[in-house]
């Protein structure tokens, strides 16, 4: 859906504005396809662009449309309906699109607002792929050895996937989003990572890492390794078992995305 500031008008004016919006969307799609990085049209972003066109701030516009951006860029121009001029402004700007996956726009035939964005959300259609990569990257980090703050951690053994630990992590993230809290202690029952795993039948020791707002496994691992405490946990040679989970938040939760690593020892 493409919207414009004249969406409440009737007849020829509204039809003309809609045609302009469609044409600008085509220009954007053509420009990004030429960069081999096509962006998809987003209805929430188009509605946010309409809000910007009608003098809301970016923060207000995104909040009104319940849109969370990991990164965004706003272009505003007075083009007086000159599509040829606008096409020239959008062409050959491949570097501008590299960090984004979608766009929205609004126009009143004189002014145009285009928002390029990467949503603060994990593509959950690729959940198994992300979990596999998260697991692989965790073991790679352990194999390589790390400097965790001021402490050098030598290469250590690889972890084995454990379904019980993965289940414990999944349930915990679901509760974190449902109850909107952060940290390792459950907001409702006060349980620890150890207790949550034991409830599912896990008999070894348990450690946990949490990461917020990453949208890829690479970002999540990089963030965890940059934190000395989380890095030390990840590199602990006592751990031999591993489970992980990921989930998206809601517009009203503390974070846009949630990742968890559950580490275990065997008894």
C-alpha atoms as a PDB file:
ATOM      1  CA  UNK A   1       0.000   0.000   0.000  1.00  0.00           C
ATOM      2  CA  UNK A   2       1.285   3.453  -0.941  1.00  0.00           C
ATOM      3  CA  UNK A   3      -0.235   6.420   0.834  1.00  0.00           C
ATOM      4  CA  UNK A   4      -0.161  10.165   0.348  1.00  0.00           C
ATOM      5  CA  UNK A   5      -1.131  13.238   2.283  1.00  0.00           C
ATOM      6  CA  UNK A   6      -4.090  13.683  -0.060  1.00  0.00           C
ATOM      7  CA  UNK A   7      -5.504  10.254   0.701  1.00  0.00           C
ATOM      8  CA  UNK A   8      -8.673  11.829   2.116  1.00  0.00           C
ATOM      9  CA  UNK A   9      -9.441  13.737  -1.086  1.00  0.00           C
ATOM     10  CA  UNK A  10     -11.753  12.385  -3.730  1.00  0.00           C
ATOM     11  CA  UNK A  11     -11.674  12.256  -7.502  1.00  0.00           C
ATOM     12  CA  UNK A  12      -8.932  13.425  -9.842  1.00  0.00           C
ATOM     13  CA  UNK A  13      -6.604  14.953  -7.219  1.00  0.00           C
ATOM     14  CA  UNK A  14      -6.481  11.780  -5.159  1.00  0.00           C
ATOM     15  CA  UNK A  15      -6.029   9.623  -8.250  1.00  0.00           C
ATOM     16  CA  UNK A  16      -3.176  11.830  -9.481  1.00  0.00           C
ATOM     17  CA  UNK A  17      -1.408  11.668  -6.135  1.00  0.00           C
ATOM     18  CA  UNK A  18      -1.793   7.900  -5.971  1.00  0.00           C
ATOM     19  CA  UNK A  19      -0.312   7.629  -9.451  1.00  0.00           C
ATOM     20  CA  UNK A  20       2.641   9.766  -8.361  1.00  0.00           C
ATOM     21  CA  UNK A  21       3.225   7.556  -5.340  1.00  0.00           C
ATOM     22  CA  UNK A  22       3.101   4.431  -7.485  1.00  0.00           C
ATOM     23  CA  UNK A  23       5.577   5.981  -9.902  1.00  0.00           C
ATOM     24  CA  UNK A  24       7.981   6.946  -7.110  1.00  0.00           C
ATOM     25  CA  UNK A  25       7.767   3.443  -5.661  1.00  0.00           C
ATOM     26  CA  UNK A  26       8.707   2.058  -9.065  1.00  0.00           C
ATOM     27  CA  UNK A  27      11.680   4.435  -9.220  1.00  0.00           C
ATOM     28  CA  UNK A  28      12.869   3.249  -5.809  1.00  0.00           C
ATOM     29  CA  UNK A  29      12.500  -0.401  -6.734  1.00  0.00           C
ATOM     30  CA  UNK A  30      14.349   0.153  -9.998  1.00  0.00           C
ATOM     31  CA  UNK A  31      17.162   2.061  -8.288  1.00  0.00           C
ATOM     32  CA  UNK A  32      17.699  -0.609  -5.639  1.00  0.00           C
ATOM     33  CA  UNK A  33      17.447  -3.491  -8.135  1.00  0.00           C
ATOM     34  CA  UNK A  34      20.246  -1.914 -10.151  1.00  0.00           C
ATOM     35  CA  UNK A  35      22.368  -2.125  -7.015  1.00  0.00           C
ATOM     36  CA  UNK A  36      21.579  -5.851  -6.680  1.00  0.00           C
ATOM     37  CA  UNK A  37      20.039  -4.975  -3.328  1.00  0.00           C
ATOM     38  CA  UNK A  38      16.287  -4.612  -3.932  1.00  0.00           C
ATOM     39  CA  UNK A  39      14.203  -3.134  -1.131  1.00  0.00           C
ATOM     40  CA  UNK A  40      10.609  -4.193  -0.552  1.00  0.00           C
ATOM     41  CA  UNK A  41       7.760  -1.754  -0.051  1.00  0.00           C
ATOM     42  CA  UNK A  42       6.464  -1.627   3.539  1.00  0.00           C
ATOM     43  CA  UNK A  43       2.983  -0.447   4.481  1.00  0.00           C
ATOM     44  CA  UNK A  44       3.956   0.593   8.047  1.00  0.00           C
ATOM     45  CA  UNK A  45       6.874   2.618   6.671  1.00  0.00           C
ATOM     46  CA  UNK A  46       4.611   4.273   4.107  1.00  0.00           C
ATOM     47  CA  UNK A  47       2.221   5.236   6.887  1.00  0.00           C
ATOM     48  CA  UNK A  48       5.158   6.555   8.921  1.00  0.00           C
ATOM     49  CA  UNK A  49       6.276   8.562   5.879  1.00  0.00           C
ATOM     50  CA  UNK A  50       2.791  10.055   5.707  1.00  0.00           C
ATOM     51  CA  UNK A  51       3.094  11.036   9.360  1.00  0.00           C
ATOM     52  CA  UNK A  52       6.416  12.751   8.626  1.00  0.00           C
ATOM     53  CA  UNK A  53       4.836  14.560   5.705  1.00  0.00           C
ATOM     54  CA  UNK A  54       2.168  15.851   8.062  1.00  0.00           C
ATOM     55  CA  UNK A  55       4.743  17.159  10.566  1.00  0.00           C
ATOM     56  CA  UNK A  56       5.147  14.367  13.086  1.00  0.00           C
ATOM     57  CA  UNK A  57       8.693  13.678  14.262  1.00  0.00           C
ATOM     58  CA  UNK A  58      10.414  10.431  13.289  1.00  0.00           C
ATOM     59  CA  UNK A  59      10.046   9.101  16.822  1.00  0.00           C
ATOM     60  CA  UNK A  60       6.338   9.949  16.848  1.00  0.00           C
ATOM     61  CA  UNK A  61       5.769   8.502  13.379  1.00  0.00           C
ATOM     62  CA  UNK A  62       7.429   5.182  14.184  1.00  0.00           C
ATOM     63  CA  UNK A  63       5.583   4.958  17.496  1.00  0.00           C
ATOM     64  CA  UNK A  64       2.231   5.680  15.831  1.00  0.00           C
ATOM     65  CA  UNK A  65       2.817   2.861  13.344  1.00  0.00           C
ATOM     66  CA  UNK A  66       4.331   0.533  15.982  1.00  0.00           C
ATOM     67  CA  UNK A  67       7.461   0.214  13.871  1.00  0.00           C
ATOM     68  CA  UNK A  68      10.869  -0.586  15.377  1.00  0.00           C
ATOM     69  CA  UNK A  69      13.882   0.197  13.207  1.00  0.00           C
ATOM     70  CA  UNK A  70      17.335  -1.267  13.673  1.00  0.00           C
ATOM     71  CA  UNK A  71      18.566   1.421  11.306  1.00  0.00           C
ATOM     72  CA  UNK A  72      16.707   3.909   9.127  1.00  0.00           C
ATOM     73  CA  UNK A  73      17.299   6.784   6.744  1.00  0.00           C
ATOM     74  CA  UNK A  74      14.832   9.507   5.776  1.00  0.00           C
ATOM     75  CA  UNK A  75      14.896  11.445   2.525  1.00  0.00           C
ATOM     76  CA  UNK A  76      12.677  14.476   2.101  1.00  0.00           C
ATOM     77  CA  UNK A  77      12.547  16.512  -1.095  1.00  0.00           C
ATOM     78  CA  UNK A  78      10.465  19.131  -2.842  1.00  0.00           C
ATOM     79  CA  UNK A  79      10.158  17.780  -6.376  1.00  0.00           C
ATOM     80  CA  UNK A  80       6.992  19.497  -7.703  1.00  0.00           C
ATOM     81  CA  UNK A  81       5.887  16.296  -9.411  1.00  0.00           C
ATOM     82  CA  UNK A  82       9.066  16.098 -11.509  1.00  0.00           C
ATOM     83  CA  UNK A  83       9.684  12.357 -11.643  1.00  0.00           C
ATOM     84  CA  UNK A  84      12.659  12.692 -13.988  1.00  0.00           C
ATOM     85  CA  UNK A  85      14.442  14.933 -11.488  1.00  0.00           C
ATOM     86  CA  UNK A  86      13.620  12.550  -8.647  1.00  0.00           C
ATOM     87  CA  UNK A  87      14.848   9.550 -10.647  1.00  0.00           C
ATOM     88  CA  UNK A  88      18.196  11.297 -11.046  1.00  0.00           C
ATOM     89  CA  UNK A  89      18.423  11.854  -7.294  1.00  0.00           C
ATOM     90  CA  UNK A  90      17.724   8.181  -6.571  1.00  0.00           C
ATOM     91  CA  UNK A  91      20.031   6.708  -9.218  1.00  0.00           C
ATOM     92  CA  UNK A  92      23.593   5.524  -8.564  1.00  0.00           C
ATOM     93  CA  UNK A  93      23.327   5.588  -4.788  1.00  0.00           C
ATOM     94  CA  UNK A  94      24.030   1.924  -4.075  1.00  0.00           C
ATOM     95  CA  UNK A  95      25.938   2.701  -0.893  1.00  0.00           C
ATOM     96  CA  UNK A  96      22.821   4.319   0.522  1.00  0.00           C
ATOM     97  CA  UNK A  97      20.759   1.120   0.306  1.00  0.00           C
ATOM     98  CA  UNK A  98      23.283  -1.443   1.543  1.00  0.00           C
ATOM     99  CA  UNK A  99      22.142  -1.502   5.180  1.00  0.00           C
ATOM    100  CA  UNK A 100      18.406  -1.567   4.480  1.00  0.00           C
ATOM    101  CA  UNK A 101      15.811  -4.141   3.478  1.00  0.00           C
ATOM    102  CA  UNK A 102      12.585  -2.156   2.973  1.00  0.00           C
ATOM    103  CA  UNK A 103      11.206   1.294   2.262  1.00  0.00           C
ATOM    104  CA  UNK A 104       8.048   3.366   2.506  1.00  0.00           C
ATOM    105  CA  UNK A 105       6.988   6.649   0.955  1.00  0.00           C
ATOM    106  CA  UNK A 106       4.373   9.373   0.938  1.00  0.00           C
ATOM    107  CA  UNK A 107       3.818  12.300  -1.403  1.00  0.00           C
ATOM    108  CA  UNK A 108       1.473  15.228  -1.914  1.00  0.00           C
ATOM    109  CA  UNK A 109       2.609  15.771  -5.539  1.00  0.00           C
ATOM    110  CA  UNK A 110       4.945  18.564  -4.422  1.00  0.00           C
ATOM    111  CA  UNK A 111       6.900  17.027  -1.554  1.00  0.00           C
ATOM    112  CA  UNK A 112       7.988  13.452  -1.021  1.00  0.00           C
ATOM    113  CA  UNK A 113       9.221  11.538   2.020  1.00  0.00           C
ATOM    114  CA  UNK A 114      11.048   8.236   1.510  1.00  0.00           C
ATOM    115  CA  UNK A 115      12.095   6.091   4.474  1.00  0.00           C
ATOM    116  CA  UNK A 116      14.647   3.309   3.999  1.00  0.00           C
ATOM    117  CA  UNK A 117      14.909   0.945   6.931  1.00  0.00           C
ATOM    118  CA  UNK A 118      16.045  -2.317   8.355  1.00  0.00           C
ATOM    119  CA  UNK A 119      13.477  -3.425  10.935  1.00  0.00           C
ATOM    120  CA  UNK A 120      14.572  -4.308  14.438  1.00  0.00           C
ATOM    121  CA  UNK A 121      13.349  -7.853  13.970  1.00  0.00           C
ATOM    122  CA  UNK A 122      14.695 -11.289  13.188  1.00  0.00           C
ATOM    123  CA  UNK A 123      13.446 -13.009  10.041  1.00  0.00           C
ATOM    124  CA  UNK A 124      11.723 -15.863  11.859  1.00  0.00           C
ATOM    125  CA  UNK A 125      11.111 -17.743   8.611  1.00  0.00           C
ATOM    126  CA  UNK A 126      14.850 -18.517   8.845  1.00  0.00           C
ATOM    127  CA  UNK A 127      14.822 -19.554  12.511  1.00  0.00           C
ATOM    128  CA  UNK A 128      16.518 -22.922  12.019  1.00  0.00           C
ATOM    129  CA  UNK A 129      19.201 -21.348   9.861  1.00  0.00           C
ATOM    130  CA  UNK A 130      19.865 -18.638  12.455  1.00  0.00           C
ATOM    131  CA  UNK A 131      20.066 -21.181  15.286  1.00  0.00           C
ATOM    132  CA  UNK A 132      22.483 -23.331  13.303  1.00  0.00           C
ATOM    133  CA  UNK A 133      24.682 -20.314  12.576  1.00  0.00           C
ATOM    134  CA  UNK A 134      24.473 -19.153  16.196  1.00  0.00           C
ATOM    135  CA  UNK A 135      25.639 -22.601  17.328  1.00  0.00           C
ATOM    136  CA  UNK A 136      28.408 -22.746  14.715  1.00  0.00           C
ATOM    137  CA  UNK A 137      29.680 -19.265  15.570  1.00  0.00           C
ATOM    138  CA  UNK A 138      29.697 -20.098  19.272  1.00  0.00           C
ATOM    139  CA  UNK A 139      31.850 -23.165  18.689  1.00  0.00           C
ATOM    140  CA  UNK A 140      34.095 -21.217  16.310  1.00  0.00           C
ATOM    141  CA  UNK A 141      34.688 -18.556  18.950  1.00  0.00           C
ATOM    142  CA  UNK A 142      35.609 -21.252  21.475  1.00  0.00           C
ATOM    143  CA  UNK A 143      37.984 -22.912  19.005  1.00  0.00           C
ATOM    144  CA  UNK A 144      39.710 -19.622  18.151  1.00  0.00           C
ATOM    145  CA  UNK A 145      40.283 -18.538  21.736  1.00  0.00           C
ATOM    146  CA  UNK A 146      39.278 -15.068  22.887  1.00  0.00           C
ATOM    147  CA  UNK A 147      40.423 -12.099  24.913  1.00  0.00           C
ATOM    148  CA  UNK A 148      37.612 -11.484  27.383  1.00  0.00           C
ATOM    149  CA  UNK A 149      38.301  -8.059  28.790  1.00  0.00           C
ATOM    150  CA  UNK A 150      41.801  -8.346  30.199  1.00  0.00           C
ATOM    151  CA  UNK A 151      41.833 -12.156  30.358  1.00  0.00           C
ATOM    152  CA  UNK A 152      43.105 -14.391  27.576  1.00  0.00           C
ATOM    153  CA  UNK A 153      41.022 -17.536  27.123  1.00  0.00           C
ATOM    154  CA  UNK A 154      42.674 -20.397  25.282  1.00  0.00           C
ATOM    155  CA  UNK A 155      40.978 -22.494  22.646  1.00  0.00           C
ATOM    156  CA  UNK A 156      38.565 -24.929  24.229  1.00  0.00           C
ATOM    157  CA  UNK A 157      36.355 -27.836  23.243  1.00  0.00           C
ATOM    158  CA  UNK A 158      33.294 -27.653  21.048  1.00  0.00           C
ATOM    159  CA  UNK A 159      29.794 -27.869  22.485  1.00  0.00           C
ATOM    160  CA  UNK A 160      27.125 -30.456  21.701  1.00  0.00           C
ATOM    161  CA  UNK A 161      23.554 -29.379  21.015  1.00  0.00           C
ATOM    162  CA  UNK A 162      21.156 -30.236  23.824  1.00  0.00           C
ATOM    163  CA  UNK A 163      17.375 -30.131  23.154  1.00  0.00           C
ATOM    164  CA  UNK A 164      16.504 -29.642  26.835  1.00  0.00           C
ATOM    165  CA  UNK A 165      18.687 -26.556  27.087  1.00  0.00           C
ATOM    166  CA  UNK A 166      17.201 -25.225  23.853  1.00  0.00           C
ATOM    167  CA  UNK A 167      13.704 -25.797  25.220  1.00  0.00           C
ATOM    168  CA  UNK A 168      14.571 -24.010  28.457  1.00  0.00           C
ATOM    169  CA  UNK A 169      15.873 -21.040  26.484  1.00  0.00           C
ATOM    170  CA  UNK A 170      12.825 -20.941  24.219  1.00  0.00           C
ATOM    171  CA  UNK A 171      10.380 -20.927  27.113  1.00  0.00           C
ATOM    172  CA  UNK A 172      12.324 -18.253  28.923  1.00  0.00           C
ATOM    173  CA  UNK A 173      12.417 -15.896  25.945  1.00  0.00           C
ATOM    174  CA  UNK A 174       8.691 -16.362  25.425  1.00  0.00           C
ATOM    175  CA  UNK A 175       8.117 -15.346  29.040  1.00  0.00           C
ATOM    176  CA  UNK A 176      10.472 -12.385  28.733  1.00  0.00           C
ATOM    177  CA  UNK A 177       8.432 -10.999  25.854  1.00  0.00           C
ATOM    178  CA  UNK A 178       5.070 -11.884  27.398  1.00  0.00           C
ATOM    179  CA  UNK A 179       5.909 -10.259  30.749  1.00  0.00           C
ATOM    180  CA  UNK A 180       8.275  -7.608  29.325  1.00  0.00           C
ATOM    181  CA  UNK A 181      11.326  -7.966  31.560  1.00  0.00           C
ATOM    182  CA  UNK A 182      15.073  -8.430  31.173  1.00  0.00           C
ATOM    183  CA  UNK A 183      17.833 -10.324  32.951  1.00  0.00           C
ATOM    184  CA  UNK A 184      18.408 -13.882  34.096  1.00  0.00           C
ATOM    185  CA  UNK A 185      15.885 -14.041  36.948  1.00  0.00           C
ATOM    186  CA  UNK A 186      12.299 -14.794  35.951  1.00  0.00           C
ATOM    187  CA  UNK A 187      10.053 -11.832  36.748  1.00  0.00           C
ATOM    188  CA  UNK A 188       7.112 -13.984  37.837  1.00  0.00           C
ATOM    189  CA  UNK A 189       8.558 -16.970  39.692  1.00  0.00           C
ATOM    190  CA  UNK A 190      12.109 -15.834  40.487  1.00  0.00           C
ATOM    191  CA  UNK A 191      13.650 -18.905  38.851  1.00  0.00           C
ATOM    192  CA  UNK A 192      17.291 -19.031  37.752  1.00  0.00           C
ATOM    193  CA  UNK A 193      18.657 -20.578  34.535  1.00  0.00           C
ATOM    194  CA  UNK A 194      19.662 -23.642  36.563  1.00  0.00           C
ATOM    195  CA  UNK A 195      16.166 -24.097  37.993  1.00  0.00           C
ATOM    196  CA  UNK A 196      14.454 -23.612  34.636  1.00  0.00           C
ATOM    197  CA  UNK A 197      16.603 -26.297  33.016  1.00  0.00           C
ATOM    198  CA  UNK A 198      16.116 -28.685  35.940  1.00  0.00           C
ATOM    199  CA  UNK A 199      12.333 -28.416  35.582  1.00  0.00           C
ATOM    200  CA  UNK A 200      12.704 -29.920  32.120  1.00  0.00           C
ATOM    201  CA  UNK A 201      14.875 -32.763  33.370  1.00  0.00           C
ATOM    202  CA  UNK A 202      18.359 -31.394  32.758  1.00  0.00           C
ATOM    203  CA  UNK A 203      20.741 -32.700  35.424  1.00  0.00           C
ATOM    204  CA  UNK A 204      23.968 -30.771  34.780  1.00  0.00           C
ATOM    205  CA  UNK A 205      25.118 -27.297  35.719  1.00  0.00           C
ATOM    206  CA  UNK A 206      23.779 -24.399  33.651  1.00  0.00           C
ATOM    207  CA  UNK A 207      25.010 -20.964  32.578  1.00  0.00           C
ATOM    208  CA  UNK A 208      23.196 -18.428  30.440  1.00  0.00           C
ATOM    209  CA  UNK A 209      23.981 -15.531  28.107  1.00  0.00           C
ATOM    210  CA  UNK A 210      21.322 -13.082  26.910  1.00  0.00           C
ATOM    211  CA  UNK A 211      21.658 -10.624  24.042  1.00  0.00           C
ATOM    212  CA  UNK A 212      19.152  -8.008  22.899  1.00  0.00           C
ATOM    213  CA  UNK A 213      18.420  -6.193  19.624  1.00  0.00           C
ATOM    214  CA  UNK A 214      20.685  -8.153  17.260  1.00  0.00           C
ATOM    215  CA  UNK A 215      19.040  -9.142  13.983  1.00  0.00           C
ATOM    216  CA  UNK A 216      21.613 -11.723  12.837  1.00  0.00           C
ATOM    217  CA  UNK A 217      23.653 -14.411  14.641  1.00  0.00           C
ATOM    218  CA  UNK A 218      26.842 -12.574  13.681  1.00  0.00           C
ATOM    219  CA  UNK A 219      25.671  -9.429  15.459  1.00  0.00           C
ATOM    220  CA  UNK A 220      24.592 -11.406  18.508  1.00  0.00           C
ATOM    221  CA  UNK A 221      27.940 -13.208  18.836  1.00  0.00           C
ATOM    222  CA  UNK A 222      29.951 -10.022  18.278  1.00  0.00           C
ATOM    223  CA  UNK A 223      27.981  -8.287  21.019  1.00  0.00           C
ATOM    224  CA  UNK A 224      28.434 -11.161  23.469  1.00  0.00           C
ATOM    225  CA  UNK A 225      32.176 -11.413  22.834  1.00  0.00           C
ATOM    226  CA  UNK A 226      32.574  -7.666  23.398  1.00  0.00           C
ATOM    227  CA  UNK A 227      31.235  -8.082  26.947  1.00  0.00           C
ATOM    228  CA  UNK A 228      33.907  -9.590  29.247  1.00  0.00           C
ATOM    229  CA  UNK A 229      31.371 -11.368  31.460  1.00  0.00           C
ATOM    230  CA  UNK A 230      29.470 -12.918  28.557  1.00  0.00           C
ATOM    231  CA  UNK A 231      32.701 -13.765  26.761  1.00  0.00           C
ATOM    232  CA  UNK A 232      34.038 -15.624  29.805  1.00  0.00           C
ATOM    233  CA  UNK A 233      30.796 -17.552  30.087  1.00  0.00           C
ATOM    234  CA  UNK A 234      30.929 -18.533  26.423  1.00  0.00           C
ATOM    235  CA  UNK A 235      34.573 -19.626  26.729  1.00  0.00           C
ATOM    236  CA  UNK A 236      34.160 -21.605  29.956  1.00  0.00           C
ATOM    237  CA  UNK A 237      35.857 -24.983  29.297  1.00  0.00           C
ATOM    238  CA  UNK A 238      33.619 -26.702  31.846  1.00  0.00           C
ATOM    239  CA  UNK A 239      30.649 -26.420  29.504  1.00  0.00           C
ATOM    240  CA  UNK A 240      30.092 -29.215  27.017  1.00  0.00           C
ATOM    241  CA  UNK A 241      26.381 -28.856  26.157  1.00  0.00           C
ATOM    242  CA  UNK A 242      24.548 -26.034  24.412  1.00  0.00           C
ATOM    243  CA  UNK A 243      21.072 -24.833  23.534  1.00  0.00           C
ATOM    244  CA  UNK A 244      19.882 -21.563  22.051  1.00  0.00           C
ATOM    245  CA  UNK A 245      16.730 -19.682  21.144  1.00  0.00           C
ATOM    246  CA  UNK A 246      15.675 -16.396  19.578  1.00  0.00           C
ATOM    247  CA  UNK A 247      12.473 -14.386  19.404  1.00  0.00           C
ATOM    248  CA  UNK A 248      11.139 -11.009  18.323  1.00  0.00           C
ATOM    249  CA  UNK A 249       9.705  -8.580  20.821  1.00  0.00           C
ATOM    250  CA  UNK A 250       6.535  -6.547  20.452  1.00  0.00           C
ATOM    251  CA  UNK A 251       6.288  -2.802  19.792  1.00  0.00           C
ATOM    252  CA  UNK A 252       5.786  -2.259  23.531  1.00  0.00           C
ATOM    253  CA  UNK A 253       8.573  -4.522  24.849  1.00  0.00           C
ATOM    254  CA  UNK A 254      11.950  -3.371  26.114  1.00  0.00           C
ATOM    255  CA  UNK A 255      13.781  -4.782  23.103  1.00  0.00           C
ATOM    256  CA  UNK A 256      13.098  -5.601  19.484  1.00  0.00           C
ATOM    257  CA  UNK A 257      14.861  -8.970  19.515  1.00  0.00           C
ATOM    258  CA  UNK A 258      16.010 -11.464  22.145  1.00  0.00           C
ATOM    259  CA  UNK A 259      18.732 -14.146  21.885  1.00  0.00           C
ATOM    260  CA  UNK A 260      19.753 -16.671  24.522  1.00  0.00           C
ATOM    261  CA  UNK A 261      22.634 -19.121  24.902  1.00  0.00           C
ATOM    262  CA  UNK A 262      22.204 -21.919  27.440  1.00  0.00           C
ATOM    263  CA  UNK A 263      25.435 -23.688  28.428  1.00  0.00           C
ATOM    264  CA  UNK A 264      25.544 -26.938  30.352  1.00  0.00           C
ATOM    265  CA  UNK A 265      27.864 -29.367  32.084  1.00  0.00           C
ATOM    266  CA  UNK A 266      27.206 -33.073  32.438  1.00  0.00           C
ATOM    267  CA  UNK A 267      26.806 -34.872  35.752  1.00  0.00           C
END
